[in-house]
Protein backbone atom coordinates (compact mmCIF):
# COMPACT_ATOMS: atom_id res chain seq x y z
CA MET A 1 97.68 119.26 74.41
CA ILE A 2 99.51 116.56 76.38
CA ASN A 3 101.65 117.37 79.42
CA PHE A 4 104.82 115.27 79.81
CA SER A 5 105.96 116.21 83.33
CA LEU A 6 108.90 115.27 85.51
CA ALA A 7 109.87 115.62 89.15
CA ALA A 8 113.65 115.40 89.44
CA ARG A 9 116.56 115.98 91.80
CA ARG A 10 120.27 116.70 91.83
CA LYS A 11 123.10 114.21 92.15
CA PRO A 12 123.93 113.51 95.83
CA GLU A 13 127.38 115.09 95.46
CA ASP A 14 126.10 118.34 93.90
CA SER A 15 124.76 121.47 95.56
CA GLN A 16 121.30 122.68 94.69
CA GLU A 17 122.86 125.92 93.43
CA LYS A 18 125.01 124.04 90.91
CA TYR A 19 122.08 121.88 89.86
CA PHE A 20 119.78 124.85 89.30
CA TYR A 21 122.52 126.59 87.28
CA GLU A 22 122.92 123.62 84.95
CA TRP A 23 119.17 123.15 84.57
CA GLY A 24 118.31 126.81 84.30
CA ILE A 25 121.08 127.88 81.91
CA ILE A 26 122.93 125.01 80.21
CA HIS A 27 119.90 122.75 79.78
CA VAL A 28 117.75 125.63 78.53
CA ALA A 29 120.47 126.65 76.05
CA LEU A 30 120.59 123.10 74.68
CA MET A 31 116.83 123.00 74.25
CA LEU A 32 116.60 126.38 72.54
CA THR A 33 119.28 125.41 70.01
CA THR A 34 118.00 121.91 69.15
CA PRO A 35 115.50 122.09 66.23
CA ALA A 36 113.70 118.85 67.13
CA VAL A 37 113.01 120.14 70.63
CA MET A 38 111.71 123.49 69.46
CA GLU A 39 109.47 121.86 66.86
CA VAL A 40 107.88 119.41 69.29
CA PHE A 41 107.69 121.14 72.68
CA LYS A 42 104.97 123.79 72.43
CA ARG A 43 105.38 124.98 76.01
CA TYR A 44 108.21 124.42 78.48
CA VAL A 45 107.93 125.41 82.15
CA GLN A 46 110.48 124.99 84.94
CA HIS A 47 109.67 124.89 88.66
CA TYR A 48 112.32 125.34 91.34
CA SER A 49 111.62 123.92 94.82
CA ILE A 50 111.45 126.67 97.45
CA SER A 51 113.62 126.23 100.53
CA GLY A 52 112.23 126.25 104.06
CA ILE A 53 108.95 124.47 103.29
CA THR A 54 107.81 122.02 105.98
CA ASP A 55 105.06 119.41 106.11
CA GLU A 56 103.21 121.55 108.67
CA MET A 57 102.51 124.07 105.88
CA LEU A 58 100.92 121.48 103.58
CA ILE A 59 97.96 119.13 103.32
CA HIS A 60 100.18 116.44 101.80
CA PRO A 61 103.79 115.97 102.97
CA LEU A 62 106.92 116.61 100.96
CA SER A 63 108.30 113.57 99.15
CA GLU A 64 110.96 111.44 100.82
CA MET A 65 112.77 111.60 97.49
CA GLY A 66 113.61 115.24 98.10
CA TRP A 67 112.66 116.45 94.61
CA ASP A 68 114.46 119.67 93.65
CA ASN A 69 112.41 120.58 90.61
CA TYR A 70 109.42 119.89 88.42
CA ALA A 71 109.21 120.41 84.64
CA GLU A 72 106.32 120.52 82.19
CA HIS A 73 106.80 119.73 78.48
CA TRP A 74 103.67 120.24 76.39
CA ILE A 75 103.27 118.33 73.13
CA GLU A 76 100.40 118.07 70.66
CA SER A 77 100.01 114.31 70.20
CA GLU A 78 101.28 110.89 71.27
CA ALA A 79 103.18 110.67 67.98
CA ASP A 80 105.46 113.42 69.29
CA PHE A 81 106.83 111.01 71.91
CA ASP A 82 108.94 109.37 69.21
CA ILE A 83 110.70 112.69 68.63
CA LEU A 84 110.78 113.55 72.31
CA LEU A 85 112.54 110.31 73.23
CA TYR A 86 114.30 108.97 70.13
CA HIS A 87 115.00 111.72 67.58
CA PRO A 88 118.75 111.50 66.71
CA ASP A 89 119.31 115.21 67.30
CA TYR A 90 117.59 115.05 70.69
CA VAL A 91 119.58 111.98 71.72
CA ALA A 92 122.90 113.46 70.52
CA ARG A 93 122.47 116.86 72.14
CA MET A 94 120.34 116.32 75.24
CA GLN A 95 121.09 112.85 76.58
CA PRO A 96 124.84 113.37 77.15
CA HIS A 97 124.00 116.25 79.49
CA ARG A 98 123.18 114.11 82.52
CA PHE A 99 123.43 116.77 85.20
CA GLY A 100 120.91 115.31 87.68
CA ASP A 101 120.17 112.12 89.55
CA HIS A 102 118.87 109.11 87.58
CA ASN A 103 115.59 109.05 89.50
CA PHE A 104 112.53 110.81 88.08
CA MET A 105 108.82 110.85 88.69
CA VAL A 106 107.32 110.72 85.20
CA MET A 107 103.71 111.39 84.32
CA VAL A 108 101.80 112.00 81.11
CA SER A 109 98.52 113.83 81.56
CA ASP A 110 95.68 115.86 80.08
CA MET A 111 95.11 119.27 81.63
CA ASP A 112 91.90 120.90 82.89
CA VAL A 113 91.98 124.55 83.97
CA ILE A 114 89.41 124.64 86.78
CA HIS A 115 89.84 128.25 87.87
CA GLN A 116 91.84 131.22 86.63
CA ALA A 117 91.64 134.81 87.87
CA PRO A 118 90.86 137.36 85.12
CA ASP A 119 94.17 139.14 85.67
CA PHE A 120 96.22 135.94 85.98
CA THR A 121 99.87 135.93 84.91
CA SER A 122 102.25 132.97 85.13
CA GLY A 123 105.07 132.73 87.63
CA GLY A 124 105.29 133.08 91.38
CA ILE A 125 104.54 130.58 94.12
CA LYS A 126 103.01 127.32 93.06
CA LEU A 127 101.85 124.26 95.00
CA ILE A 128 102.04 120.96 93.11
CA ASN A 129 100.26 117.92 94.57
CA TYR A 130 100.91 114.41 93.26
CA LEU A 131 97.76 112.44 94.13
CA LYS A 132 97.39 108.67 94.42
CA LYS A 133 94.02 107.07 93.87
CA GLN A 134 92.47 104.80 96.46
CA PRO A 135 93.11 101.14 95.52
CA HIS A 136 89.49 100.28 94.74
CA LEU A 137 89.22 103.03 92.12
CA SER A 138 90.32 103.00 88.51
CA HIS A 139 92.15 106.02 87.10
CA GLU A 140 88.95 106.95 85.28
CA GLU A 141 86.82 106.73 88.43
CA PHE A 142 89.37 108.84 90.31
CA ALA A 143 89.32 111.47 87.55
CA GLU A 144 85.51 111.68 87.57
CA VAL A 145 85.28 112.35 91.32
CA TRP A 146 88.26 114.71 91.19
CA ARG A 147 86.89 116.77 88.29
CA ILE A 148 83.22 116.91 89.32
CA GLN A 149 83.13 116.77 93.12
CA HIS A 150 86.54 117.93 94.26
CA ALA A 151 87.01 120.74 91.76
CA THR A 152 83.86 122.42 93.04
CA VAL A 153 84.95 122.04 96.65
CA VAL A 154 88.39 123.53 95.97
CA THR A 155 87.16 126.51 93.98
CA GLU A 156 84.53 127.39 96.58
CA ALA A 157 86.81 126.89 99.59
CA THR A 158 89.74 128.85 98.12
CA SER A 159 87.79 131.68 96.48
CA GLY A 160 89.87 134.86 96.51
CA LEU A 161 92.95 132.98 97.72
CA VAL A 162 94.10 130.97 94.69
CA ARG A 163 95.04 132.72 91.42
CA LYS A 164 94.70 129.57 89.35
CA TYR A 165 93.84 125.92 89.93
CA VAL A 166 94.63 123.17 87.41
CA GLN A 167 94.09 119.40 87.34
CA ASN A 168 96.32 117.12 85.23
CA ARG A 169 94.58 113.79 84.64
CA HIS A 170 96.55 110.54 84.29
CA ARG A 171 97.19 109.39 80.73
CA PRO A 172 98.58 105.85 80.16
CA LEU A 173 102.28 105.56 79.28
CA ASP A 174 104.11 102.30 78.61
CA ALA A 175 107.23 102.41 80.81
CA ALA A 176 109.08 100.37 78.17
CA LEU A 177 109.08 103.48 75.96
CA LEU A 178 111.56 105.09 78.35
CA THR A 179 114.16 102.31 78.11
CA GLY A 180 117.49 103.72 77.00
CA THR A 181 116.40 107.33 77.48
CA LEU A 182 117.25 109.92 80.12
CA PHE A 183 114.05 108.94 81.92
CA GLU A 184 114.35 105.16 82.06
CA MET A 185 114.42 105.12 85.87
CA GLY A 186 111.32 107.30 86.07
CA GLY A 187 108.43 106.11 88.19
CA VAL A 188 105.62 105.79 85.64
CA GLY A 189 101.92 105.38 86.37
CA GLN A 190 102.21 105.70 90.14
CA PHE A 191 99.81 108.63 90.40
CA SER A 192 96.36 109.38 89.06
CA GLY A 193 96.67 113.13 88.98
CA ILE A 194 98.75 116.22 89.57
CA GLU A 195 97.03 119.38 90.77
CA GLU A 196 98.54 122.85 90.67
CA TYR A 197 97.69 125.91 92.75
CA TRP A 198 99.09 129.41 92.11
CA PHE A 199 99.42 131.81 95.09
CA ASP A 200 100.48 135.40 95.67
CA SER A 201 102.43 134.56 98.84
CA LEU A 202 103.55 131.77 101.15
CA ASP A 203 101.04 133.06 103.71
CA ASP A 204 98.27 132.33 101.20
CA LEU A 205 99.73 128.86 100.68
CA ARG A 206 99.73 128.20 104.45
CA ALA A 207 96.02 128.99 104.56
CA LEU A 208 95.21 125.67 102.89
CA ARG A 209 96.50 123.94 106.02
CA HIS A 210 95.88 126.49 108.77
CA ASN A 211 92.51 127.94 107.78
CA GLY A 212 90.19 125.42 109.44
CA SER A 213 87.31 125.70 107.00
CA ILE A 214 89.56 125.35 103.91
CA PHE A 215 91.48 122.42 105.40
CA GLU A 216 88.30 120.63 106.44
CA ALA A 217 86.63 121.13 103.06
CA ILE A 218 89.59 119.84 101.03
CA THR A 219 90.51 116.88 103.26
CA SER A 220 86.89 115.78 103.66
CA SER A 221 86.47 115.77 99.89
CA GLU A 222 89.75 113.92 99.33
CA ALA A 223 88.77 111.21 101.81
CA SER A 224 86.48 109.60 99.24
CA PHE A 225 89.04 109.11 96.48
CA VAL A 226 92.65 110.11 97.40
CA GLU A 227 95.08 107.67 99.01
CA THR A 228 96.89 109.97 101.44
CA ALA A 229 99.74 107.50 101.99
CA GLY A 230 102.07 108.10 99.06
CA SER A 231 100.54 111.38 97.86
CA PHE A 232 102.99 114.25 98.19
CA SER A 233 103.50 117.96 97.58
CA MET A 234 106.09 120.31 96.13
CA VAL A 235 106.21 124.09 96.64
CA THR A 236 107.96 125.83 93.79
CA ALA A 237 108.76 129.04 91.98
CA GLU A 238 107.38 128.83 88.43
CA ARG A 239 109.48 129.96 85.45
CA VAL A 240 107.93 129.81 81.97
CA ILE A 241 110.80 129.37 79.50
CA TYR A 242 108.58 129.72 76.44
CA ASP A 243 104.98 129.21 75.39
CA PHE A 244 103.75 128.80 71.81
CA THR A 245 100.22 127.81 72.88
CA LEU A 246 99.05 131.35 73.62
CA PRO A 247 97.10 133.60 71.22
CA ASP A 248 98.96 135.88 68.81
CA GLY A 249 100.53 138.80 70.63
CA GLU A 250 101.09 136.77 73.81
CA ARG A 251 103.02 133.77 72.61
CA SER A 252 106.81 133.48 72.62
CA GLN A 253 108.79 134.51 69.56
CA ARG A 254 109.75 131.96 66.91
CA PRO A 255 112.96 130.12 67.93
CA ALA A 256 115.99 131.43 66.05
CA VAL A 257 117.33 127.92 65.42
CA LEU A 258 114.30 127.23 63.18
CA ASP A 259 115.22 130.20 60.97
CA PRO A 260 117.78 128.86 58.44
CA THR A 261 119.34 132.33 58.08
CA SER A 262 120.04 132.75 61.82
CA LEU A 263 123.37 132.41 63.59
CA GLU A 264 121.95 129.62 65.76
CA ALA A 265 120.94 127.57 62.70
CA SER A 266 124.33 128.19 61.11
CA VAL A 267 126.13 126.88 64.18
CA TYR A 268 123.79 123.89 64.35
CA ARG A 269 124.64 122.99 60.73
CA GLN A 270 128.29 122.65 61.73
CA GLY A 271 127.35 119.29 63.23
CA LEU A 272 127.00 117.58 66.59
CA SER A 273 130.38 115.84 66.83
CA GLY A 274 133.64 115.13 65.03
CA TRP A 275 134.79 118.73 65.12
CA ASN A 276 138.47 117.68 65.18
CA GLN A 277 138.15 115.38 62.16
CA LEU A 278 139.43 116.48 58.73
CA SER A 279 137.32 115.49 55.74
């Protein structure tokens, strides 16, 4: 599976409450009723930035861009990008709904689950770190140190504290592919990895910075491959909209819009425009 992820923010004139409403309700409704989206996106997860987070709680600072949210769109292959970005139905239904700022942080990655508690469930508090590689390293060299050396350090240092730890490794994406899309102003290829930590509480999150042994272990390991200048963090509440990647019995139900006998499919067949035109 390939993770197409975005950090985004609201328009300067909008409140965060309005922005979250549009993203959490209107945008979700558009996705769930667009067949191309429901055929291609196998998992869609929203993350809402938590208020009151300060740099003193984190190993890496918050971004100067003031990102309000982070989204994960999981697809099966690179061929799905053509549908994701250019499918006529996607363009007609999703692109006109420009409810946020034009700036994005875009990344395409491959995911490694490093640690997951046996009783893990999605949701709750999540730390997301965008990591830059040191200039002398390639993306591949960064990924090797991150996956072999750093993963071990993190899992040992945070044992019993972190519910799940995931690494998302950089995957090349030609920025030209985004021209003319909603994401054309996205910063592409600026980071070598995104790591995700799930916590039970903000106090557990603070321990990464304020527990001396954990802080020392993580920062000492990062010193060999992470460029601290430019790396940044987000602290979010995770909301899984749907997930078709899980085993039977756990996965989300089949989208109604893909059932030709459903009300949603019937409405979709009425067309995407020209409703006041007589044939």
